[in-house]
PDB file of N, CA and C in Angstrom:
ATOM      1  N   MET A   1      41.766 -10.578   5.712  1.00  0.00           N
ATOM      2  CA  MET A   1      41.330  -9.299   5.552  1.00  0.00           C
ATOM      3  C   MET A   1      41.829  -8.739   4.284  1.00  0.00           C
ATOM      4  N   TRP A   2      43.168  -9.048   4.012  1.00  0.00           N
ATOM      5  CA  TRP A   2      43.805  -8.478   2.834  1.00  0.00           C
ATOM      6  C   TRP A   2      43.204  -9.267   1.608  1.00  0.00           C
ATOM      7  N   ASP A   3      42.869 -10.467   1.711  1.00  0.00           N
ATOM      8  CA  ASP A   3      42.312 -11.195   0.582  1.00  0.00           C
ATOM      9  C   ASP A   3      41.013 -10.525   0.088  1.00  0.00           C
ATOM     10  N   LYS A   4      40.259 -10.037   1.002  1.00  0.00           N
ATOM     11  CA  LYS A   4      38.936  -9.345   0.761  1.00  0.00           C
ATOM     12  C   LYS A   4      39.360  -8.013  -0.090  1.00  0.00           C
ATOM     13  N   ILE A   5      40.331  -7.262   0.489  1.00  0.00           N
ATOM     14  CA  ILE A   5      40.599  -6.177  -0.048  1.00  0.00           C
ATOM     15  C   ILE A   5      41.172  -6.129  -1.584  1.00  0.00           C
ATOM     16  N   VAL A   6      42.158  -6.948  -1.616  1.00  0.00           N
ATOM     17  CA  VAL A   6      42.749  -7.298  -2.957  1.00  0.00           C
ATOM     18  C   VAL A   6      41.588  -7.724  -3.992  1.00  0.00           C
ATOM     19  N   LYS A   7      40.590  -8.640  -3.531  1.00  0.00           N
ATOM     20  CA  LYS A   7      39.706  -8.992  -4.448  1.00  0.00           C
ATOM     21  C   LYS A   7      38.695  -7.765  -4.888  1.00  0.00           C
ATOM     22  N   GLN A   8      38.393  -6.920  -3.969  1.00  0.00           N
ATOM     23  CA  GLN A   8      37.505  -5.890  -4.180  1.00  0.00           C
ATOM     24  C   GLN A   8      38.285  -4.807  -5.236  1.00  0.00           C
ATOM     25  N   TRP A   9      39.606  -4.825  -4.953  1.00  0.00           N
ATOM     26  CA  TRP A   9      40.328  -3.905  -5.683  1.00  0.00           C
ATOM     27  C   TRP A   9      40.423  -4.376  -7.314  1.00  0.00           C
ATOM     28  N   ILE A  10      40.634  -5.610  -7.298  1.00  0.00           N
ATOM     29  CA  ILE A  10      40.704  -6.357  -8.692  1.00  0.00           C
ATOM     30  C   ILE A  10      39.246  -6.313  -9.302  1.00  0.00           C
ATOM     31  N   ASP A  11      38.313  -6.514  -8.629  1.00  0.00           N
ATOM     32  CA  ASP A  11      36.958  -6.333  -9.110  1.00  0.00           C
ATOM     33  C   ASP A  11      36.704  -4.739  -9.684  1.00  0.00           C
ATOM     34  N   LEU A  12      37.080  -3.780  -8.990  1.00  0.00           N
ATOM     35  CA  LEU A  12      36.933  -2.459  -9.346  1.00  0.00           C
ATOM     36  C   LEU A  12      37.778  -2.240 -10.631  1.00  0.00           C
ATOM     37  N   ALA A  13      39.030  -2.761 -10.705  1.00  0.00           N
ATOM     38  CA  ALA A  13      39.988  -2.524 -11.715  1.00  0.00           C
ATOM     39  C   ALA A  13      39.445  -3.040 -13.013  1.00  0.00           C
ATOM     40  N   PHE A  14      38.910  -4.260 -12.884  1.00  0.00           N
ATOM     41  CA  PHE A  14      38.425  -5.056 -14.117  1.00  0.00           C
ATOM     42  C   PHE A  14      36.915  -5.248 -14.197  1.00  0.00           C
ATOM     43  N   TRP A  15      36.050  -4.008 -13.762  1.00  0.00           N
ATOM     44  CA  TRP A  15      34.693  -3.967 -13.656  1.00  0.00           C
ATOM     45  C   TRP A  15      34.256  -4.291 -15.246  1.00  0.00           C
ATOM     46  N   TRP A  16      34.994  -4.088 -16.290  1.00  0.00           N
ATOM     47  CA  TRP A  16      34.424  -4.102 -17.642  1.00  0.00           C
ATOM     48  C   TRP A  16      34.535  -5.395 -18.171  1.00  0.00           C
ATOM     49  N   VAL A  17      35.388  -6.229 -17.471  1.00  0.00           N
ATOM     50  CA  VAL A  17      35.343  -7.593 -18.127  1.00  0.00           C
ATOM     51  C   VAL A  17      34.253  -8.509 -17.654  1.00  0.00           C
ATOM     52  N   PRO A  18      33.510  -9.065 -18.638  1.00  0.00           N
ATOM     53  CA  PRO A  18      32.407  -9.916 -18.354  1.00  0.00           C
ATOM     54  C   PRO A  18      32.687 -11.161 -17.486  1.00  0.00           C
ATOM     55  N   ARG A  19      31.967 -11.514 -16.505  1.00  0.00           N
ATOM     56  CA  ARG A  19      32.218 -12.718 -15.807  1.00  0.00           C
ATOM     57  C   ARG A  19      30.954 -13.581 -15.842  1.00  0.00           C
ATOM     58  N   GLU A  20      31.078 -14.964 -15.580  1.00  0.00           N
ATOM     59  CA  GLU A  20      29.951 -15.816 -15.467  1.00  0.00           C
ATOM     60  C   GLU A  20      28.898 -15.405 -14.224  1.00  0.00           C
ATOM     61  N   ASP A  21      29.652 -15.097 -13.213  1.00  0.00           N
ATOM     62  CA  ASP A  21      28.825 -14.952 -11.927  1.00  0.00           C
ATOM     63  C   ASP A  21      27.968 -13.620 -11.948  1.00  0.00           C
ATOM     64  N   ARG A  22      28.403 -12.707 -12.918  1.00  0.00           N
ATOM     65  CA  ARG A  22      27.707 -11.409 -13.016  1.00  0.00           C
ATOM     66  C   ARG A  22      26.538 -11.578 -14.128  1.00  0.00           C
ATOM     67  N   ALA A  23      26.681 -12.367 -15.059  1.00  0.00           N
ATOM     68  CA  ALA A  23      25.648 -12.456 -16.131  1.00  0.00           C
ATOM     69  C   ALA A  23      24.444 -13.115 -15.631  1.00  0.00           C
ATOM     70  N   PRO A  24      23.381 -12.409 -15.968  1.00  0.00           N
ATOM     71  CA  PRO A  24      22.020 -12.944 -15.366  1.00  0.00           C
ATOM     72  C   PRO A  24      21.738 -14.340 -16.076  1.00  0.00           C
ATOM     73  N   ALA A  25      21.005 -15.098 -15.365  1.00  0.00           N
ATOM     74  CA  ALA A  25      20.585 -16.447 -15.775  1.00  0.00           C
ATOM     75  C   ALA A  25      19.607 -16.357 -17.013  1.00  0.00           C
ATOM     76  N   PRO A  26      19.543 -17.246 -17.950  1.00  0.00           N
ATOM     77  CA  PRO A  26      18.645 -16.846 -19.088  1.00  0.00           C
ATOM     78  C   PRO A  26      17.166 -16.685 -18.749  1.00  0.00           C
ATOM     79  N   ASP A  27      16.666 -17.418 -17.626  1.00  0.00           N
ATOM     80  CA  ASP A  27      15.399 -17.228 -17.378  1.00  0.00           C
ATOM     81  C   ASP A  27      15.121 -15.824 -16.584  1.00  0.00           C
ATOM     82  N   GLN A  28      16.230 -15.387 -15.944  1.00  0.00           N
ATOM     83  CA  GLN A  28      16.180 -14.084 -15.455  1.00  0.00           C
ATOM     84  C   GLN A  28      16.147 -12.941 -16.461  1.00  0.00           C
ATOM     85  N   GLU A  29      16.753 -13.079 -17.577  1.00  0.00           N
ATOM     86  CA  GLU A  29      16.700 -11.992 -18.643  1.00  0.00           C
ATOM     87  C   GLU A  29      15.166 -11.998 -19.078  1.00  0.00           C
ATOM     88  N   ALA A  30      14.449 -13.035 -19.275  1.00  0.00           N
ATOM     89  CA  ALA A  30      13.076 -12.793 -19.682  1.00  0.00           C
ATOM     90  C   ALA A  30      12.160 -12.207 -18.608  1.00  0.00           C
ATOM     91  N   VAL A  31      12.541 -12.247 -17.388  1.00  0.00           N
ATOM     92  CA  VAL A  31      11.799 -11.687 -16.100  1.00  0.00           C
ATOM     93  C   VAL A  31      12.024 -10.100 -15.939  1.00  0.00           C
ATOM     94  N   ALA A  32      13.366  -9.746 -16.466  1.00  0.00           N
ATOM     95  CA  ALA A  32      13.797  -8.516 -16.100  1.00  0.00           C
ATOM     96  C   ALA A  32      13.146  -7.456 -16.746  1.00  0.00           C
ATOM     97  N   PRO A  33      12.778  -7.533 -17.992  1.00  0.00           N
ATOM     98  CA  PRO A  33      11.909  -6.512 -18.844  1.00  0.00           C
ATOM     99  C   PRO A  33      10.577  -6.304 -18.183  1.00  0.00           C
ATOM    100  N   LYS A  34      10.002  -7.456 -17.764  1.00  0.00           N
ATOM    101  CA  LYS A  34       8.587  -7.413 -17.273  1.00  0.00           C
ATOM    102  C   LYS A  34       8.661  -6.533 -15.832  1.00  0.00           C
ATOM    103  N   LYS A  35       9.644  -6.711 -14.961  1.00  0.00           N
ATOM    104  CA  LYS A  35       9.729  -5.912 -13.875  1.00  0.00           C
ATOM    105  C   LYS A  35       9.947  -4.541 -14.365  1.00  0.00           C
ATOM    106  N   ALA A  36      10.699  -4.161 -15.143  1.00  0.00           N
ATOM    107  CA  ALA A  36      11.023  -2.745 -15.685  1.00  0.00           C
ATOM    108  C   ALA A  36       9.672  -2.258 -16.223  1.00  0.00           C
ATOM    109  N   GLU A  37       8.833  -3.029 -16.938  1.00  0.00           N
ATOM    110  CA  GLU A  37       7.672  -2.442 -17.448  1.00  0.00           C
ATOM    111  C   GLU A  37       6.736  -2.288 -16.209  1.00  0.00           C
ATOM    112  N   GLN A  38       6.607  -2.991 -15.299  1.00  0.00           N
ATOM    113  CA  GLN A  38       5.710  -2.701 -14.217  1.00  0.00           C
ATOM    114  C   GLN A  38       6.021  -1.536 -13.310  1.00  0.00           C
ATOM    115  N   ARG A  39       7.318  -1.289 -13.175  1.00  0.00           N
ATOM    116  CA  ARG A  39       7.801   0.023 -12.550  1.00  0.00           C
ATOM    117  C   ARG A  39       7.558   1.230 -13.283  1.00  0.00           C
ATOM    118  N   ALA A  40       7.561   1.077 -14.521  1.00  0.00           N
ATOM    119  CA  ALA A  40       7.201   2.386 -15.423  1.00  0.00           C
ATOM    120  C   ALA A  40       5.767   2.898 -15.374  1.00  0.00           C
ATOM    121  N   GLU A  41       4.731   1.886 -14.903  1.00  0.00           N
ATOM    122  CA  GLU A  41       3.565   2.119 -15.125  1.00  0.00           C
ATOM    123  C   GLU A  41       3.161   3.226 -13.905  1.00  0.00           C
ATOM    124  N   PRO A  42       2.480   4.261 -14.118  1.00  0.00           N
ATOM    125  CA  PRO A  42       2.267   5.364 -13.146  1.00  0.00           C
ATOM    126  C   PRO A  42       1.353   4.749 -12.160  1.00  0.00           C
ATOM    127  N   ALA A  43       1.461   5.065 -10.871  1.00  0.00           N
ATOM    128  CA  ALA A  43       0.710   4.594  -9.864  1.00  0.00           C
ATOM    129  C   ALA A  43      -0.687   5.392  -9.808  1.00  0.00           C
ATOM    130  N   ALA A  44      -1.621   4.994  -9.182  1.00  0.00           N
ATOM    131  CA  ALA A  44      -2.876   5.636  -9.045  1.00  0.00           C
ATOM    132  C   ALA A  44      -2.749   6.864  -8.606  1.00  0.00           C
ATOM    133  N   ASP A  45      -3.599   7.983  -8.794  1.00  0.00           N
ATOM    134  CA  ASP A  45      -3.511   9.330  -8.334  1.00  0.00           C
ATOM    135  C   ASP A  45      -3.626   9.206  -6.793  1.00  0.00           C
ATOM    136  N   PRO A  46      -2.472   9.682  -6.123  1.00  0.00           N
ATOM    137  CA  PRO A  46      -2.454   9.560  -4.713  1.00  0.00           C
ATOM    138  C   PRO A  46      -3.245  10.664  -4.110  1.00  0.00           C
ATOM    139  N   SER A  47      -3.917  10.206  -2.970  1.00  0.00           N
ATOM    140  CA  SER A  47      -4.710  11.208  -2.217  1.00  0.00           C
ATOM    141  C   SER A  47      -3.761  11.958  -1.500  1.00  0.00           C
ATOM    142  N   PRO A  48      -4.071  13.306  -1.052  1.00  0.00           N
ATOM    143  CA  PRO A  48      -3.216  14.070  -0.223  1.00  0.00           C
ATOM    144  C   PRO A  48      -2.965  13.582   1.083  1.00  0.00           C
ATOM    145  N   ALA A  49      -3.749  12.755   1.533  1.00  0.00           N
ATOM    146  CA  ALA A  49      -3.318  12.113   2.963  1.00  0.00           C
ATOM    147  C   ALA A  49      -2.181  11.100   2.732  1.00  0.00           C
ATOM    148  N   SER A  50      -2.099  10.618   1.651  1.00  0.00           N
ATOM    149  CA  SER A  50      -1.034   9.454   1.492  1.00  0.00           C
ATOM    150  C   SER A  50       0.503   9.875   1.071  1.00  0.00           C
ATOM    151  N   ILE A  51       0.434  11.204   0.834  1.00  0.00           N
ATOM    152  CA  ILE A  51       1.773  11.945   0.486  1.00  0.00           C
ATOM    153  C   ILE A  51       2.373  12.208   1.630  1.00  0.00           C
ATOM    154  N   ALA A  52       3.725  11.896   1.882  1.00  0.00           N
ATOM    155  CA  ALA A  52       4.382  12.059   3.081  1.00  0.00           C
ATOM    156  C   ALA A  52       5.103  13.442   2.878  1.00  0.00           C
ATOM    157  N   ASP A  53       5.208  14.346   3.917  1.00  0.00           N
ATOM    158  CA  ASP A  53       5.942  15.407   4.062  1.00  0.00           C
ATOM    159  C   ASP A  53       7.405  15.344   4.348  1.00  0.00           C
ATOM    160  N   ASP A  54       8.037  16.248   4.161  1.00  0.00           N
ATOM    161  CA  ASP A  54       9.545  16.265   4.383  1.00  0.00           C
ATOM    162  C   ASP A  54       9.544  16.957   5.864  1.00  0.00           C
ATOM    163  N   LEU A  55       9.585  15.963   6.830  1.00  0.00           N
ATOM    164  CA  LEU A  55       9.667  16.385   8.352  1.00  0.00           C
ATOM    165  C   LEU A  55      11.034  17.082   8.702  1.00  0.00           C
ATOM    166  N   THR A  56      11.951  16.769   7.951  1.00  0.00           N
ATOM    167  CA  THR A  56      13.442  17.196   8.287  1.00  0.00           C
ATOM    168  C   THR A  56      13.438  18.689   8.144  1.00  0.00           C
ATOM    169  N   VAL A  57      12.606  19.375   7.449  1.00  0.00           N
ATOM    170  CA  VAL A  57      12.712  20.817   7.483  1.00  0.00           C
ATOM    171  C   VAL A  57      12.408  21.373   8.884  1.00  0.00           C
ATOM    172  N   ILE A  58      11.926  20.652   9.613  1.00  0.00           N
ATOM    173  CA  ILE A  58      11.714  21.049  11.161  1.00  0.00           C
ATOM    174  C   ILE A  58      13.037  21.093  11.748  1.00  0.00           C
ATOM    175  N   LYS A  59      13.476  22.092  12.555  1.00  0.00           N
ATOM    176  CA  LYS A  59      14.765  21.990  13.107  1.00  0.00           C
ATOM    177  C   LYS A  59      14.737  20.873  14.326  1.00  0.00           C
ATOM    178  N   GLY A  60      15.974  20.036  14.364  1.00  0.00           N
ATOM    179  CA  GLY A  60      15.843  19.088  15.293  1.00  0.00           C
ATOM    180  C   GLY A  60      15.371  17.744  14.875  1.00  0.00           C
ATOM    181  N   ILE A  61      14.775  17.678  13.690  1.00  0.00           N
ATOM    182  CA  ILE A  61      14.345  16.286  13.313  1.00  0.00           C
ATOM    183  C   ILE A  61      15.351  16.009  11.859  1.00  0.00           C
ATOM    184  N   GLY A  62      16.166  14.909  12.331  1.00  0.00           N
ATOM    185  CA  GLY A  62      17.165  14.445  11.436  1.00  0.00           C
ATOM    186  C   GLY A  62      16.696  13.009  10.809  1.00  0.00           C
ATOM    187  N   PRO A  63      17.432  12.381  10.165  1.00  0.00           N
ATOM    188  CA  PRO A  63      17.148  11.061   9.483  1.00  0.00           C
ATOM    189  C   PRO A  63      16.795  10.099  10.493  1.00  0.00           C
ATOM    190  N   ALA A  64      17.430  10.025  11.675  1.00  0.00           N
ATOM    191  CA  ALA A  64      17.175   9.153  12.771  1.00  0.00           C
ATOM    192  C   ALA A  64      15.630   9.190  13.307  1.00  0.00           C
ATOM    193  N   VAL A  65      15.439  10.541  13.630  1.00  0.00           N
ATOM    194  CA  VAL A  65      14.094  10.854  14.285  1.00  0.00           C
ATOM    195  C   VAL A  65      13.013  10.603  13.131  1.00  0.00           C
ATOM    196  N   LEU A  66      13.359  11.020  11.896  1.00  0.00           N
ATOM    197  CA  LEU A  66      12.381  10.841  10.835  1.00  0.00           C
ATOM    198  C   LEU A  66      11.895   9.488  10.671  1.00  0.00           C
ATOM    199  N   LYS A  67      12.924   8.524  10.850  1.00  0.00           N
ATOM    200  CA  LYS A  67      12.769   7.024  10.583  1.00  0.00           C
ATOM    201  C   LYS A  67      11.818   6.523  11.752  1.00  0.00           C
ATOM    202  N   LYS A  68      12.000   7.030  13.025  1.00  0.00           N
ATOM    203  CA  LYS A  68      11.295   6.710  14.094  1.00  0.00           C
ATOM    204  C   LYS A  68       9.926   7.161  13.981  1.00  0.00           C
ATOM    205  N   LEU A  69       9.788   8.416  13.481  1.00  0.00           N
ATOM    206  CA  LEU A  69       8.391   8.920  13.195  1.00  0.00           C
ATOM    207  C   LEU A  69       7.546   8.103  12.249  1.00  0.00           C
ATOM    208  N   ARG A  70       8.331   7.758  11.159  1.00  0.00           N
ATOM    209  CA  ARG A  70       7.584   6.869  10.241  1.00  0.00           C
ATOM    210  C   ARG A  70       7.167   5.462  10.673  1.00  0.00           C
ATOM    211  N   GLU A  71       7.901   5.152  11.649  1.00  0.00           N
ATOM    212  CA  GLU A  71       7.523   3.857  12.371  1.00  0.00           C
ATOM    213  C   GLU A  71       6.399   3.928  13.085  1.00  0.00           C
ATOM    214  N   LEU A  72       6.176   4.993  13.523  1.00  0.00           N
ATOM    215  CA  LEU A  72       4.962   5.428  14.422  1.00  0.00           C
ATOM    216  C   LEU A  72       3.833   5.886  13.503  1.00  0.00           C
ATOM    217  N   ASN A  73       4.087   5.913  12.105  1.00  0.00           N
ATOM    218  CA  ASN A  73       3.000   6.215  11.218  1.00  0.00           C
ATOM    219  C   ASN A  73       2.811   7.873  11.264  1.00  0.00           C
ATOM    220  N   ILE A  74       3.757   8.409  11.506  1.00  0.00           N
ATOM    221  CA  ILE A  74       3.653  10.026  11.434  1.00  0.00           C
ATOM    222  C   ILE A  74       4.467  10.268  10.320  1.00  0.00           C
ATOM    223  N   THR A  75       3.828  10.785   9.233  1.00  0.00           N
ATOM    224  CA  THR A  75       4.551  11.200   8.001  1.00  0.00           C
ATOM    225  C   THR A  75       4.149  12.474   7.387  1.00  0.00           C
ATOM    226  N   THR A  76       3.270  13.039   7.998  1.00  0.00           N
ATOM    227  CA  THR A  76       2.907  14.473   7.462  1.00  0.00           C
ATOM    228  C   THR A  76       2.844  15.536   8.585  1.00  0.00           C
ATOM    229  N   PHE A  77       2.914  16.698   8.250  1.00  0.00           N
ATOM    230  CA  PHE A  77       2.841  17.832   9.308  1.00  0.00           C
ATOM    231  C   PHE A  77       1.700  17.774  10.083  1.00  0.00           C
ATOM    232  N   ASP A  78       0.404  17.452   9.483  1.00  0.00           N
ATOM    233  CA  ASP A  78      -0.753  17.324  10.005  1.00  0.00           C
ATOM    234  C   ASP A  78      -0.768  16.331  11.161  1.00  0.00           C
ATOM    235  N   GLU A  79      -0.235  15.254  10.916  1.00  0.00           N
ATOM    236  CA  GLU A  79      -0.282  14.159  11.800  1.00  0.00           C
ATOM    237  C   GLU A  79       0.849  14.519  13.119  1.00  0.00           C
ATOM    238  N   LEU A  80       1.937  15.118  12.727  1.00  0.00           N
ATOM    239  CA  LEU A  80       2.745  15.447  13.809  1.00  0.00           C
ATOM    240  C   LEU A  80       2.056  16.521  14.692  1.00  0.00           C
ATOM    241  N   SER A  81       1.478  17.413  13.963  1.00  0.00           N
ATOM    242  CA  SER A  81       0.788  18.562  14.791  1.00  0.00           C
ATOM    243  C   SER A  81      -0.149  18.012  15.675  1.00  0.00           C
ATOM    244  N   LYS A  82      -1.014  16.946  15.411  1.00  0.00           N
ATOM    245  CA  LYS A  82      -1.983  16.471  16.271  1.00  0.00           C
ATOM    246  C   LYS A  82      -1.448  15.528  17.368  1.00  0.00           C
ATOM    247  N   ALA A  83      -0.200  15.189  17.179  1.00  0.00           N
ATOM    248  CA  ALA A  83       0.284  14.054  18.183  1.00  0.00           C
ATOM    249  C   ALA A  83       0.588  14.827  19.570  1.00  0.00           C
ATOM    250  N   ASP A  84       0.349  13.975  20.632  1.00  0.00           N
ATOM    251  CA  ASP A  84       0.445  14.187  22.060  1.00  0.00           C
ATOM    252  C   ASP A  84       1.849  14.321  22.281  1.00  0.00           C
ATOM    253  N   ALA A  85       2.456  15.499  22.670  1.00  0.00           N
ATOM    254  CA  ALA A  85       3.968  15.667  22.954  1.00  0.00           C
ATOM    255  C   ALA A  85       4.536  14.713  24.024  1.00  0.00           C
ATOM    256  N   ASP A  86       3.814  14.447  24.997  1.00  0.00           N
ATOM    257  CA  ASP A  86       4.164  13.557  26.191  1.00  0.00           C
ATOM    258  C   ASP A  86       4.246  12.152  25.655  1.00  0.00           C
ATOM    259  N   THR A  87       3.277  11.747  25.011  1.00  0.00           N
ATOM    260  CA  THR A  87       3.189  10.370  24.413  1.00  0.00           C
ATOM    261  C   THR A  87       4.333  10.154  23.620  1.00  0.00           C
ATOM    262  N   LEU A  88       4.474  11.093  22.512  1.00  0.00           N
ATOM    263  CA  LEU A  88       5.450  11.018  21.543  1.00  0.00           C
ATOM    264  C   LEU A  88       6.904  11.013  21.963  1.00  0.00           C
ATOM    265  N   THR A  89       7.177  11.794  23.112  1.00  0.00           N
ATOM    266  CA  THR A  89       8.433  11.899  23.655  1.00  0.00           C
ATOM    267  C   THR A  89       8.753  10.380  24.235  1.00  0.00           C
ATOM    268  N   GLU A  90       7.813   9.757  24.942  1.00  0.00           N
ATOM    269  CA  GLU A  90       8.166   8.368  25.510  1.00  0.00           C
ATOM    270  C   GLU A  90       8.290   7.406  24.369  1.00  0.00           C
ATOM    271  N   LYS A  91       7.731   7.612  23.205  1.00  0.00           N
ATOM    272  CA  LYS A  91       7.725   6.457  22.178  1.00  0.00           C
ATOM    273  C   LYS A  91       9.221   6.662  21.264  1.00  0.00           C
ATOM    274  N   LEU A  92       9.517   8.074  21.386  1.00  0.00           N
ATOM    275  CA  LEU A  92      10.801   8.374  20.603  1.00  0.00           C
ATOM    276  C   LEU A  92      12.255   8.279  21.393  1.00  0.00           C
ATOM    277  N   LYS A  93      11.927   8.052  22.770  1.00  0.00           N
ATOM    278  CA  LYS A  93      13.319   7.977  23.476  1.00  0.00           C
ATOM    279  C   LYS A  93      13.954   6.750  23.135  1.00  0.00           C
ATOM    280  N   GLY A  94      15.325   6.961  23.133  1.00  0.00           N
ATOM    281  CA  GLY A  94      16.193   5.840  22.634  1.00  0.00           C
ATOM    282  C   GLY A  94      17.575   6.146  22.812  1.00  0.00           C
ATOM    283  N   SER A  95      18.401   6.158  21.770  1.00  0.00           N
ATOM    284  CA  SER A  95      19.841   6.349  21.970  1.00  0.00           C
ATOM    285  C   SER A  95      20.171   7.918  22.036  1.00  0.00           C
ATOM    286  N   GLN A  96      19.395   8.765  21.681  1.00  0.00           N
ATOM    287  CA  GLN A  96      19.477  10.201  21.951  1.00  0.00           C
ATOM    288  C   GLN A  96      18.567  10.875  22.768  1.00  0.00           C
ATOM    289  N   PRO A  97      18.799  11.682  23.709  1.00  0.00           N
ATOM    290  CA  PRO A  97      17.834  12.360  24.632  1.00  0.00           C
ATOM    291  C   PRO A  97      16.942  13.256  23.795  1.00  0.00           C
ATOM    292  N   ILE A  98      15.779  13.142  24.109  1.00  0.00           N
ATOM    293  CA  ILE A  98      14.638  13.989  23.586  1.00  0.00           C
ATOM    294  C   ILE A  98      13.699  14.493  24.691  1.00  0.00           C
ATOM    295  N   SER A  99      13.530  15.768  24.755  1.00  0.00           N
ATOM    296  CA  SER A  99      12.762  16.470  25.815  1.00  0.00           C
ATOM    297  C   SER A  99      11.454  16.674  25.231  1.00  0.00           C
ATOM    298  N   VAL A 100      10.449  16.797  26.321  1.00  0.00           N
ATOM    299  CA  VAL A 100       9.094  17.071  26.020  1.00  0.00           C
ATOM    300  C   VAL A 100       9.080  18.427  25.418  1.00  0.00           C
ATOM    301  N   ALA A 101       9.938  19.360  25.861  1.00  0.00           N
ATOM    302  CA  ALA A 101       9.906  20.746  25.180  1.00  0.00           C
ATOM    303  C   ALA A 101      10.291  20.807  23.727  1.00  0.00           C
ATOM    304  N   LYS A 102      11.154  19.847  23.315  1.00  0.00           N
ATOM    305  CA  LYS A 102      11.652  19.820  22.088  1.00  0.00           C
ATOM    306  C   LYS A 102      10.592  19.296  21.101  1.00  0.00           C
ATOM    307  N   VAL A 103       9.748  18.182  21.623  1.00  0.00           N
ATOM    308  CA  VAL A 103       8.670  17.548  20.755  1.00  0.00           C
ATOM    309  C   VAL A 103       7.689  18.529  20.687  1.00  0.00           C
ATOM    310  N   ARG A 104       7.365  19.398  21.788  1.00  0.00           N
ATOM    311  CA  ARG A 104       6.303  20.355  21.617  1.00  0.00           C
ATOM    312  C   ARG A 104       6.787  21.343  20.730  1.00  0.00           C
ATOM    313  N   GLY A 105       8.054  21.639  20.491  1.00  0.00           N
ATOM    314  CA  GLY A 105       8.396  22.585  19.470  1.00  0.00           C
ATOM    315  C   GLY A 105       8.408  22.123  18.054  1.00  0.00           C
ATOM    316  N   TRP A 106       8.472  20.698  17.959  1.00  0.00           N
ATOM    317  CA  TRP A 106       8.170  20.183  16.720  1.00  0.00           C
ATOM    318  C   TRP A 106       6.731  20.042  16.416  1.00  0.00           C
ATOM    319  N   THR A 107       5.892  19.967  17.285  1.00  0.00           N
ATOM    320  CA  THR A 107       4.400  20.061  16.965  1.00  0.00           C
ATOM    321  C   THR A 107       3.789  21.318  16.581  1.00  0.00           C
ATOM    322  N   GLU A 108       4.544  22.267  17.293  1.00  0.00           N
ATOM    323  CA  GLU A 108       4.193  23.748  16.860  1.00  0.00           C
ATOM    324  C   GLU A 108       4.552  24.007  15.534  1.00  0.00           C
ATOM    325  N   ALA A 109       5.929  23.743  15.144  1.00  0.00           N
ATOM    326  CA  ALA A 109       6.489  23.874  13.849  1.00  0.00           C
ATOM    327  C   ALA A 109       5.706  23.186  12.814  1.00  0.00           C
ATOM    328  N   ALA A 110       5.132  21.988  13.054  1.00  0.00           N
ATOM    329  CA  ALA A 110       4.346  21.176  12.137  1.00  0.00           C
ATOM    330  C   ALA A 110       3.016  21.803  11.753  1.00  0.00           C
ATOM    331  N   ARG A 111       2.460  22.518  13.033  1.00  0.00           N
ATOM    332  CA  ARG A 111       1.109  23.322  12.810  1.00  0.00           C
ATOM    333  C   ARG A 111       1.406  24.422  11.704  1.00  0.00           C
ATOM    334  N   GLU A 112       2.565  25.183  11.991  1.00  0.00           N
ATOM    335  CA  GLU A 112       2.861  26.251  11.052  1.00  0.00           C
ATOM    336  C   GLU A 112       3.019  25.739   9.692  1.00  0.00           C
ATOM    337  N   GLN A 113       3.733  24.684   9.479  1.00  0.00           N
ATOM    338  CA  GLN A 113       4.021  24.136   8.287  1.00  0.00           C
ATOM    339  C   GLN A 113       2.719  23.714   7.625  1.00  0.00           C
ATOM    340  N   SER A 114       1.822  23.086   8.249  1.00  0.00           N
ATOM    341  CA  SER A 114       0.566  22.616   7.678  1.00  0.00           C
ATOM    342  C   SER A 114      -0.330  23.637   7.225  1.00  0.00           C
ATOM    343  N   ARG A 115      -0.342  24.765   8.004  1.00  0.00           N
ATOM    344  CA  ARG A 115      -1.026  25.952   7.551  1.00  0.00           C
ATOM    345  C   ARG A 115      -0.571  26.575   6.131  1.00  0.00           C
ATOM    346  N   ALA A 116       0.751  26.581   6.170  1.00  0.00           N
ATOM    347  CA  ALA A 116       1.376  27.217   4.823  1.00  0.00           C
ATOM    348  C   ALA A 116       0.930  26.425   3.704  1.00  0.00           C
TER     349      ALA A 116
END
């Protein structure tokens, strides 16, 4: 354990020193600019349906619930407002207790957000 800690400390202390294992391979250098160019290209004009809303603005939806909702393909206020509260409660149950009343509150809040 201590050997890992000491190695990490040394790596942090001497971050500026070039090392062979940190340097990219010659063929990776040629590929790296191409990847950067591909990322720089703007994506096609996204349709309103493909843009995800920030569902965490609804009280009670945090990062964990947001992740579960995205796994269920619920990414917008409109999709959440149309979801059945009973079915959604069953699908979201897991490590934290979620009640049907709480999910109904989320769907109502999503309706209000989608109107705004």
